[in-house]
Amino acid sequence: MSRRWIGFGIFVVALAGVCVQLGAWQFDKLTERENRNALVTEHLAIDPVELDSVAPAGQRLDPDQEWTVATATGRYDLDRQVTVKYVSRDGRPGVDVLTPLVLDDGTALLVNRGFVETPRSATAPSDLPDPATTTVEVTGWLRPNSGATGEAIRVSDAQVRAISSDGLADHVPYDLRDGYLNLQDQSTGPGLLDPEPRPELGPGTHLAYGLQWWFFGALALTGFVWFAHAERQDRRKRISGSVRAVPDSITTPEEQHELQSSR
């Protein structure tokens, strides 16, 4: 019960508490991922719906509608096409090609036509496949705007680093629907590139990390008990050795106790 061991014990208990909280946080993230996976699975299993039924003009895309398979009809605006730089797919560097699709009501939907492998460079590629030039019906997954802000979503040299209809609002002369569409199929013409792969629906690393944090908490408490026990045994051995070292001339218990106290 020395000050050193009391302080050490408080530190270990606090450390174990932090580990428990971090483990619980990881399990909460696991629950969120499982709920998200269930929603994605449900949306991908439903037949395509019209864009106006889930992302009408002038309204924000409901987060619960992410990954909904939607269809829209319009004409691509090649003059306002941009690329998303610093993208990679299976270890290959490249860009995503983002082309506005102008709809019948005059608004437009950003369509991520897919991935094109290019050398890793800050310069915009100039030899991208053109989209269809006639009216086309597109089908794909609705996605919300990226959470990035500032320069990451502003167009510079016909490029952006993250997709956001808010960031491209000043780049086009028409209103943009909120979010964008990951193109999976279209009715006619060229322009279908390497599409976005299906989302990963596994549990991720949250379960392993949660168990790892709880193991660290248990290890801290177990280590404290082990070291405390080891020091207690060491003290007992030292006391036992002191008793055996008492001179034979001191025969009474009182004299032995007085000698040990002085030591």
C-alpha atoms as a PDB file:
ATOM      1  CA  MET A   1       0.000   0.000   0.000  1.00  0.00           C
ATOM      2  CA  SER A   2       2.897   2.387  -0.640  1.00  0.00           C
ATOM      3  CA  ARG A   3       2.358   5.615  -2.559  1.00  0.00           C
ATOM      4  CA  ARG A   4       4.194   4.169  -5.532  1.00  0.00           C
ATOM      5  CA  TRP A   5       1.920   1.143  -5.787  1.00  0.00           C
ATOM      6  CA  ILE A   6      -1.252   3.154  -5.167  1.00  0.00           C
ATOM      7  CA  GLY A   7      -0.277   5.556  -7.973  1.00  0.00           C
ATOM      8  CA  PHE A   8       0.626   2.645 -10.214  1.00  0.00           C
ATOM      9  CA  GLY A   9      -2.747   0.998  -9.486  1.00  0.00           C
ATOM     10  CA  ILE A  10      -4.694   4.171 -10.314  1.00  0.00           C
ATOM     11  CA  PHE A  11      -2.802   4.481 -13.602  1.00  0.00           C
ATOM     12  CA  VAL A  12      -3.472   0.855 -14.545  1.00  0.00           C
ATOM     13  CA  VAL A  13      -7.200   1.122 -13.754  1.00  0.00           C
ATOM     14  CA  ALA A  14      -7.435   4.311 -15.842  1.00  0.00           C
ATOM     15  CA  LEU A  15      -5.549   2.655 -18.692  1.00  0.00           C
ATOM     16  CA  ALA A  16      -7.836  -0.383 -18.587  1.00  0.00           C
ATOM     17  CA  GLY A  17     -10.888   1.920 -18.593  1.00  0.00           C
ATOM     18  CA  VAL A  18      -9.633   3.718 -21.711  1.00  0.00           C
ATOM     19  CA  CYS A  19      -9.061   0.372 -23.442  1.00  0.00           C
ATOM     20  CA  VAL A  20     -12.589  -0.761 -22.571  1.00  0.00           C
ATOM     21  CA  GLN A  21     -14.034   2.475 -23.981  1.00  0.00           C
ATOM     22  CA  LEU A  22     -12.008   2.158 -27.190  1.00  0.00           C
ATOM     23  CA  GLY A  23     -13.148  -1.442 -27.569  1.00  0.00           C
ATOM     24  CA  ALA A  24     -16.783  -0.426 -27.089  1.00  0.00           C
ATOM     25  CA  TRP A  25     -16.322   2.329 -29.687  1.00  0.00           C
ATOM     26  CA  GLN A  26     -15.071  -0.239 -32.198  1.00  0.00           C
ATOM     27  CA  PHE A  27     -18.066  -2.477 -31.504  1.00  0.00           C
ATOM     28  CA  ASP A  28     -20.367   0.514 -32.054  1.00  0.00           C
ATOM     29  CA  LYS A  29     -18.644   1.080 -35.406  1.00  0.00           C
ATOM     30  CA  LEU A  30     -19.185  -2.602 -36.193  1.00  0.00           C
ATOM     31  CA  THR A  31     -22.914  -2.212 -35.513  1.00  0.00           C
ATOM     32  CA  GLU A  32     -23.034   0.842 -37.793  1.00  0.00           C
ATOM     33  CA  ARG A  33     -21.263  -1.096 -40.538  1.00  0.00           C
ATOM     34  CA  GLU A  34     -23.644  -4.047 -40.175  1.00  0.00           C
ATOM     35  CA  ASN A  35     -26.642  -1.694 -40.443  1.00  0.00           C
ATOM     36  CA  ARG A  36     -25.110  -0.018 -43.481  1.00  0.00           C
ATOM     37  CA  ASN A  37     -24.393  -3.395 -45.102  1.00  0.00           C
ATOM     38  CA  ALA A  38     -27.998  -4.481 -44.565  1.00  0.00           C
ATOM     39  CA  LEU A  39     -29.244  -1.250 -46.177  1.00  0.00           C
ATOM     40  CA  VAL A  40     -26.896  -1.611 -49.155  1.00  0.00           C
ATOM     41  CA  THR A  41     -27.895  -5.242 -49.665  1.00  0.00           C
ATOM     42  CA  GLU A  42     -31.563  -4.261 -49.587  1.00  0.00           C
ATOM     43  CA  HIS A  43     -31.097  -1.435 -52.107  1.00  0.00           C
ATOM     44  CA  LEU A  44     -29.026  -3.459 -54.552  1.00  0.00           C
ATOM     45  CA  ALA A  45     -31.663  -6.201 -54.598  1.00  0.00           C
ATOM     46  CA  ILE A  46     -34.474  -3.836 -55.641  1.00  0.00           C
ATOM     47  CA  ASP A  47     -35.299  -3.046 -59.274  1.00  0.00           C
ATOM     48  CA  PRO A  48     -34.114   0.370 -60.540  1.00  0.00           C
ATOM     49  CA  VAL A  49     -36.300   3.353 -59.693  1.00  0.00           C
ATOM     50  CA  GLU A  50     -36.741   6.708 -61.405  1.00  0.00           C
ATOM     51  CA  LEU A  51     -34.344   9.410 -60.249  1.00  0.00           C
ATOM     52  CA  ASP A  52     -37.148  11.854 -59.370  1.00  0.00           C
ATOM     53  CA  SER A  53     -38.629   9.404 -56.866  1.00  0.00           C
ATOM     54  CA  VAL A  54     -35.489   9.347 -54.699  1.00  0.00           C
ATOM     55  CA  ALA A  55     -33.518  12.483 -55.630  1.00  0.00           C
ATOM     56  CA  PRO A  56     -35.928  15.165 -56.861  1.00  0.00           C
ATOM     57  CA  ALA A  57     -34.611  18.522 -58.022  1.00  0.00           C
ATOM     58  CA  GLY A  58     -33.892  21.013 -55.264  1.00  0.00           C
ATOM     59  CA  GLN A  59     -33.778  18.439 -52.459  1.00  0.00           C
ATOM     60  CA  ARG A  60     -30.914  16.843 -50.603  1.00  0.00           C
ATOM     61  CA  LEU A  61     -30.322  13.158 -51.110  1.00  0.00           C
ATOM     62  CA  ASP A  62     -31.563  11.191 -48.100  1.00  0.00           C
ATOM     63  CA  PRO A  63     -28.563   9.300 -46.618  1.00  0.00           C
ATOM     64  CA  ASP A  64     -30.783   6.208 -46.370  1.00  0.00           C
ATOM     65  CA  GLN A  65     -31.104   6.270 -50.186  1.00  0.00           C
ATOM     66  CA  GLU A  66     -27.392   5.753 -50.778  1.00  0.00           C
ATOM     67  CA  TRP A  67     -26.714   2.801 -53.114  1.00  0.00           C
ATOM     68  CA  THR A  68     -30.263   2.923 -54.466  1.00  0.00           C
ATOM     69  CA  VAL A  69     -30.263   1.768 -58.097  1.00  0.00           C
ATOM     70  CA  ALA A  70     -31.758   4.662 -60.091  1.00  0.00           C
ATOM     71  CA  THR A  71     -32.304   5.508 -63.756  1.00  0.00           C
ATOM     72  CA  ALA A  72     -32.233   8.875 -65.513  1.00  0.00           C
ATOM     73  CA  THR A  73     -32.489  10.021 -69.131  1.00  0.00           C
ATOM     74  CA  GLY A  74     -30.624  12.932 -70.701  1.00  0.00           C
ATOM     75  CA  ARG A  75     -27.649  14.052 -72.755  1.00  0.00           C
ATOM     76  CA  TYR A  76     -24.043  14.178 -71.605  1.00  0.00           C
ATOM     77  CA  ASP A  77     -22.391  17.604 -71.453  1.00  0.00           C
ATOM     78  CA  LEU A  78     -18.845  16.846 -72.589  1.00  0.00           C
ATOM     79  CA  ASP A  79     -17.780  20.501 -72.294  1.00  0.00           C
ATOM     80  CA  ARG A  80     -18.225  20.381 -68.502  1.00  0.00           C
ATOM     81  CA  GLN A  81     -16.663  16.970 -67.982  1.00  0.00           C
ATOM     82  CA  VAL A  82     -14.028  16.745 -65.230  1.00  0.00           C
ATOM     83  CA  THR A  83     -11.828  14.003 -63.856  1.00  0.00           C
ATOM     84  CA  VAL A  84     -11.262  12.922 -60.268  1.00  0.00           C
ATOM     85  CA  LYS A  85      -7.504  12.695 -59.861  1.00  0.00           C
ATOM     86  CA  TYR A  86      -5.347  10.507 -57.630  1.00  0.00           C
ATOM     87  CA  VAL A  87      -7.716   7.534 -57.910  1.00  0.00           C
ATOM     88  CA  SER A  88      -6.439   3.949 -57.853  1.00  0.00           C
ATOM     89  CA  ARG A  89      -8.120   0.652 -58.687  1.00  0.00           C
ATOM     90  CA  ASP A  90      -6.491  -2.664 -57.757  1.00  0.00           C
ATOM     91  CA  GLY A  91      -3.176  -0.886 -57.381  1.00  0.00           C
ATOM     92  CA  ARG A  92      -3.439   0.847 -60.780  1.00  0.00           C
ATOM     93  CA  PRO A  93      -3.267   4.661 -60.841  1.00  0.00           C
ATOM     94  CA  GLY A  94      -5.871   6.565 -62.819  1.00  0.00           C
ATOM     95  CA  VAL A  95      -8.866   8.886 -62.740  1.00  0.00           C
ATOM     96  CA  ASP A  96     -12.630   8.692 -62.458  1.00  0.00           C
ATOM     97  CA  VAL A  97     -14.454  10.431 -65.305  1.00  0.00           C
ATOM     98  CA  LEU A  98     -17.274  12.685 -64.105  1.00  0.00           C
ATOM     99  CA  THR A  99     -19.700  13.933 -66.788  1.00  0.00           C
ATOM    100  CA  PRO A 100     -22.905  15.945 -66.170  1.00  0.00           C
ATOM    101  CA  LEU A 101     -26.047  14.415 -67.671  1.00  0.00           C
ATOM    102  CA  VAL A 102     -28.504  17.186 -68.597  1.00  0.00           C
ATOM    103  CA  LEU A 103     -32.068  16.024 -67.923  1.00  0.00           C
ATOM    104  CA  ASP A 104     -35.333  16.996 -69.641  1.00  0.00           C
ATOM    105  CA  ASP A 105     -36.222  19.535 -66.931  1.00  0.00           C
ATOM    106  CA  GLY A 106     -32.973  21.467 -67.459  1.00  0.00           C
ATOM    107  CA  THR A 107     -31.257  20.237 -64.311  1.00  0.00           C
ATOM    108  CA  ALA A 108     -28.331  17.840 -64.478  1.00  0.00           C
ATOM    109  CA  LEU A 109     -27.029  14.807 -62.645  1.00  0.00           C
ATOM    110  CA  LEU A 110     -23.323  14.177 -62.153  1.00  0.00           C
ATOM    111  CA  VAL A 111     -22.482  10.748 -63.564  1.00  0.00           C
ATOM    112  CA  ASN A 112     -19.285   8.966 -62.611  1.00  0.00           C
ATOM    113  CA  ARG A 113     -18.787   7.083 -65.879  1.00  0.00           C
ATOM    114  CA  GLY A 114     -16.030   4.953 -64.436  1.00  0.00           C
ATOM    115  CA  PHE A 115     -12.296   4.503 -64.016  1.00  0.00           C
ATOM    116  CA  VAL A 116      -9.601   5.036 -66.629  1.00  0.00           C
ATOM    117  CA  GLU A 117      -6.018   3.964 -65.975  1.00  0.00           C
ATOM    118  CA  THR A 118      -3.562   6.829 -66.484  1.00  0.00           C
ATOM    119  CA  PRO A 119      -0.043   7.682 -65.317  1.00  0.00           C
ATOM    120  CA  ARG A 120      -0.027   9.193 -61.844  1.00  0.00           C
ATOM    121  CA  SER A 121       0.172  12.907 -62.548  1.00  0.00           C
ATOM    122  CA  ALA A 122      -1.322  16.225 -61.486  1.00  0.00           C
ATOM    123  CA  THR A 123      -2.018  17.027 -65.142  1.00  0.00           C
ATOM    124  CA  ALA A 124      -5.473  16.278 -66.512  1.00  0.00           C
ATOM    125  CA  PRO A 125      -5.509  13.446 -69.098  1.00  0.00           C
ATOM    126  CA  SER A 126      -6.425  14.487 -72.642  1.00  0.00           C
ATOM    127  CA  ASP A 127      -7.276  11.185 -74.336  1.00  0.00           C
ATOM    128  CA  LEU A 128     -10.373  10.050 -72.432  1.00  0.00           C
ATOM    129  CA  PRO A 129     -13.149   8.135 -74.232  1.00  0.00           C
ATOM    130  CA  ASP A 130     -16.037  10.422 -75.166  1.00  0.00           C
ATOM    131  CA  PRO A 131     -19.532   9.683 -73.884  1.00  0.00           C
ATOM    132  CA  ALA A 132     -22.597   9.044 -76.012  1.00  0.00           C
ATOM    133  CA  THR A 133     -23.663  12.122 -77.988  1.00  0.00           C
ATOM    134  CA  THR A 134     -27.364  11.213 -78.206  1.00  0.00           C
ATOM    135  CA  THR A 135     -30.040  10.952 -75.547  1.00  0.00           C
ATOM    136  CA  VAL A 136     -29.172   8.067 -73.262  1.00  0.00           C
ATOM    137  CA  GLU A 137     -30.747   6.307 -70.297  1.00  0.00           C
ATOM    138  CA  VAL A 138     -28.282   5.614 -67.511  1.00  0.00           C
ATOM    139  CA  THR A 139     -28.578   3.231 -64.576  1.00  0.00           C
ATOM    140  CA  GLY A 140     -26.382   3.265 -61.522  1.00  0.00           C
ATOM    141  CA  TRP A 141     -25.955   3.656 -57.791  1.00  0.00           C
ATOM    142  CA  LEU A 142     -26.881   6.929 -56.122  1.00  0.00           C
ATOM    143  CA  ARG A 143     -24.118   8.296 -53.937  1.00  0.00           C
ATOM    144  CA  PRO A 144     -24.011  11.322 -51.633  1.00  0.00           C
ATOM    145  CA  ASN A 145     -21.516  14.120 -52.005  1.00  0.00           C
ATOM    146  CA  SER A 146     -18.071  13.594 -50.585  1.00  0.00           C
ATOM    147  CA  GLY A 147     -17.528  15.041 -47.138  1.00  0.00           C
ATOM    148  CA  ALA A 148     -14.482  16.913 -48.448  1.00  0.00           C
ATOM    149  CA  THR A 149     -14.554  20.692 -48.637  1.00  0.00           C
ATOM    150  CA  GLY A 150     -12.544  23.608 -49.994  1.00  0.00           C
ATOM    151  CA  GLU A 151     -10.076  23.093 -52.819  1.00  0.00           C
ATOM    152  CA  ALA A 152     -10.683  19.336 -52.870  1.00  0.00           C
ATOM    153  CA  ILE A 153     -14.119  19.796 -54.496  1.00  0.00           C
ATOM    154  CA  ARG A 154     -13.418  22.887 -56.618  1.00  0.00           C
ATOM    155  CA  VAL A 155     -12.621  22.432 -60.301  1.00  0.00           C
ATOM    156  CA  SER A 156      -9.045  23.278 -61.273  1.00  0.00           C
ATOM    157  CA  ASP A 157      -7.668  22.377 -64.697  1.00  0.00           C
ATOM    158  CA  ALA A 158     -10.819  20.299 -65.309  1.00  0.00           C
ATOM    159  CA  GLN A 159     -10.018  18.188 -62.250  1.00  0.00           C
ATOM    160  CA  VAL A 160     -11.234  17.664 -58.700  1.00  0.00           C
ATOM    161  CA  ARG A 161      -9.988  15.493 -55.847  1.00  0.00           C
ATOM    162  CA  ALA A 162     -13.451  14.546 -54.516  1.00  0.00           C
ATOM    163  CA  ILE A 163     -16.947  14.453 -56.023  1.00  0.00           C
ATOM    164  CA  SER A 164     -19.477  16.994 -54.795  1.00  0.00           C
ATOM    165  CA  SER A 165     -22.389  18.564 -56.624  1.00  0.00           C
ATOM    166  CA  ASP A 166     -21.934  21.573 -54.317  1.00  0.00           C
ATOM    167  CA  GLY A 167     -18.338  22.000 -55.423  1.00  0.00           C
ATOM    168  CA  LEU A 168     -19.218  21.792 -59.123  1.00  0.00           C
ATOM    169  CA  ALA A 169     -22.176  24.188 -58.884  1.00  0.00           C
ATOM    170  CA  ASP A 170     -20.113  27.110 -60.221  1.00  0.00           C
ATOM    171  CA  HIS A 171     -18.643  24.962 -62.994  1.00  0.00           C
ATOM    172  CA  VAL A 172     -21.941  24.366 -64.806  1.00  0.00           C
ATOM    173  CA  PRO A 173     -24.678  26.749 -66.091  1.00  0.00           C
ATOM    174  CA  TYR A 174     -27.564  24.648 -64.718  1.00  0.00           C
ATOM    175  CA  ASP A 175     -28.730  23.322 -61.360  1.00  0.00           C
ATOM    176  CA  LEU A 176     -27.242  20.017 -60.272  1.00  0.00           C
ATOM    177  CA  ARG A 177     -29.126  17.261 -58.518  1.00  0.00           C
ATOM    178  CA  ASP A 178     -27.676  16.508 -55.094  1.00  0.00           C
ATOM    179  CA  GLY A 179     -25.063  13.747 -55.029  1.00  0.00           C
ATOM    180  CA  TYR A 180     -24.023  11.759 -58.062  1.00  0.00           C
ATOM    181  CA  LEU A 181     -24.568   8.463 -59.880  1.00  0.00           C
ATOM    182  CA  ASN A 182     -22.037   5.637 -60.181  1.00  0.00           C
ATOM    183  CA  LEU A 183     -22.794   4.443 -63.719  1.00  0.00           C
ATOM    184  CA  GLN A 184     -23.378   0.706 -64.102  1.00  0.00           C
ATOM    185  CA  ASP A 185     -25.242   0.508 -67.412  1.00  0.00           C
ATOM    186  CA  GLN A 186     -26.625   2.714 -70.174  1.00  0.00           C
ATOM    187  CA  SER A 187     -29.025   2.215 -73.045  1.00  0.00           C
ATOM    188  CA  THR A 188     -26.840   3.090 -76.010  1.00  0.00           C
ATOM    189  CA  GLY A 189     -23.582   4.504 -77.289  1.00  0.00           C
ATOM    190  CA  PRO A 190     -20.009   4.517 -75.971  1.00  0.00           C
ATOM    191  CA  GLY A 191     -18.903   5.965 -72.677  1.00  0.00           C
ATOM    192  CA  LEU A 192     -19.227   3.016 -70.282  1.00  0.00           C
ATOM    193  CA  LEU A 193     -15.789   2.760 -68.733  1.00  0.00           C
ATOM    194  CA  ASP A 194     -14.493   0.563 -65.899  1.00  0.00           C
ATOM    195  CA  PRO A 195     -17.470   0.889 -63.491  1.00  0.00           C
ATOM    196  CA  GLU A 196     -17.268   1.251 -59.744  1.00  0.00           C
ATOM    197  CA  PRO A 197     -17.120  -2.219 -58.136  1.00  0.00           C
ATOM    198  CA  ARG A 198     -19.804  -3.388 -55.757  1.00  0.00           C
ATOM    199  CA  PRO A 199     -19.282  -2.105 -52.208  1.00  0.00           C
ATOM    200  CA  GLU A 200     -17.435  -4.274 -49.722  1.00  0.00           C
ATOM    201  CA  LEU A 201     -19.972  -5.770 -47.327  1.00  0.00           C
ATOM    202  CA  GLY A 202     -17.661  -7.526 -44.896  1.00  0.00           C
ATOM    203  CA  PRO A 203     -17.386  -6.686 -41.176  1.00  0.00           C
ATOM    204  CA  GLY A 204     -14.125  -4.832 -41.691  1.00  0.00           C
ATOM    205  CA  THR A 205     -11.543  -4.629 -38.909  1.00  0.00           C
ATOM    206  CA  HIS A 206     -13.837  -3.325 -36.160  1.00  0.00           C
ATOM    207  CA  LEU A 207     -14.387  -6.706 -34.465  1.00  0.00           C
ATOM    208  CA  ALA A 208     -10.663  -7.494 -34.369  1.00  0.00           C
ATOM    209  CA  TYR A 209      -9.771  -4.020 -33.104  1.00  0.00           C
ATOM    210  CA  GLY A 210     -12.495  -4.136 -30.445  1.00  0.00           C
ATOM    211  CA  LEU A 211     -11.265  -7.464 -29.101  1.00  0.00           C
ATOM    212  CA  GLN A 212      -7.690  -6.183 -29.275  1.00  0.00           C
ATOM    213  CA  TRP A 213      -8.468  -3.136 -27.106  1.00  0.00           C
ATOM    214  CA  TRP A 214     -10.270  -5.281 -24.534  1.00  0.00           C
ATOM    215  CA  PHE A 215      -7.306  -7.678 -24.478  1.00  0.00           C
ATOM    216  CA  PHE A 216      -4.966  -4.743 -23.781  1.00  0.00           C
ATOM    217  CA  GLY A 217      -7.215  -3.668 -20.866  1.00  0.00           C
ATOM    218  CA  ALA A 218      -7.219  -7.175 -19.384  1.00  0.00           C
ATOM    219  CA  LEU A 219      -3.452  -7.423 -19.918  1.00  0.00           C
ATOM    220  CA  ALA A 220      -2.884  -4.187 -17.979  1.00  0.00           C
ATOM    221  CA  LEU A 221      -4.906  -5.424 -14.981  1.00  0.00           C
ATOM    222  CA  THR A 222      -3.338  -8.883 -15.068  1.00  0.00           C
ATOM    223  CA  GLY A 223       0.138  -7.397 -15.312  1.00  0.00           C
ATOM    224  CA  PHE A 224      -0.496  -5.174 -12.296  1.00  0.00           C
ATOM    225  CA  VAL A 225      -1.622  -8.152 -10.186  1.00  0.00           C
ATOM    226  CA  TRP A 226       1.357 -10.234 -11.332  1.00  0.00           C
ATOM    227  CA  PHE A 227       3.939  -7.544 -10.541  1.00  0.00           C
ATOM    228  CA  ALA A 228       2.308  -6.818  -7.181  1.00  0.00           C
ATOM    229  CA  HIS A 229       2.405 -10.516  -6.299  1.00  0.00           C
ATOM    230  CA  ALA A 230       6.033 -10.795  -7.413  1.00  0.00           C
ATOM    231  CA  GLU A 231       7.122  -7.841  -5.269  1.00  0.00           C
ATOM    232  CA  ARG A 232       5.214  -9.193  -2.275  1.00  0.00           C
ATOM    233  CA  GLN A 233       7.005 -12.537  -2.588  1.00  0.00           C
ATOM    234  CA  ASP A 234      10.334 -10.744  -2.903  1.00  0.00           C
ATOM    235  CA  ARG A 235       9.670  -8.744   0.267  1.00  0.00           C
ATOM    236  CA  ARG A 236       8.767 -11.904   2.170  1.00  0.00           C
ATOM    237  CA  LYS A 237      12.060 -13.490   1.129  1.00  0.00           C
ATOM    238  CA  ARG A 238      14.013 -10.431   2.282  1.00  0.00           C
ATOM    239  CA  ILE A 239      12.217 -10.417   5.650  1.00  0.00           C
ATOM    240  CA  SER A 240      12.804 -14.147   6.055  1.00  0.00           C
ATOM    241  CA  GLY A 241      16.504 -13.680   5.311  1.00  0.00           C
ATOM    242  CA  SER A 242      16.737 -10.889   7.886  1.00  0.00           C
ATOM    243  CA  VAL A 243      15.257 -13.112  10.577  1.00  0.00           C
ATOM    244  CA  ARG A 244      17.725 -15.896   9.849  1.00  0.00           C
ATOM    245  CA  ALA A 245      20.595 -13.391  10.068  1.00  0.00           C
ATOM    246  CA  VAL A 246      19.800 -12.408  13.699  1.00  0.00           C
ATOM    247  CA  PRO A 247      22.792 -13.234  16.033  1.00  0.00           C
ATOM    248  CA  ASP A 248      22.471 -16.269  18.315  1.00  0.00           C
ATOM    249  CA  SER A 249      23.144 -14.083  21.336  1.00  0.00           C
ATOM    250  CA  ILE A 250      19.762 -12.408  20.829  1.00  0.00           C
ATOM    251  CA  THR A 251      17.358 -15.033  22.017  1.00  0.00           C
ATOM    252  CA  THR A 252      14.168 -13.240  23.051  1.00  0.00           C
ATOM    253  CA  PRO A 253      11.398 -12.370  20.546  1.00  0.00           C
ATOM    254  CA  GLU A 254      11.429  -8.793  21.798  1.00  0.00           C
ATOM    255  CA  GLU A 255      15.119  -8.404  20.972  1.00  0.00           C
ATOM    256  CA  GLN A 256      14.666  -9.932  17.520  1.00  0.00           C
ATOM    257  CA  HIS A 257      11.696  -7.624  16.771  1.00  0.00           C
ATOM    258  CA  GLU A 258      13.705  -4.568  17.916  1.00  0.00           C
ATOM    259  CA  LEU A 259      16.601  -5.533  15.620  1.00  0.00           C
ATOM    260  CA  GLN A 260      14.342  -6.052  12.617  1.00  0.00           C
ATOM    261  CA  SER A 261      12.619  -2.704  13.268  1.00  0.00           C
ATOM    262  CA  SER A 262      15.951  -0.897  13.347  1.00  0.00           C
ATOM    263  CA  ARG A 263      16.882  -2.455   9.992  1.00  0.00           C
END
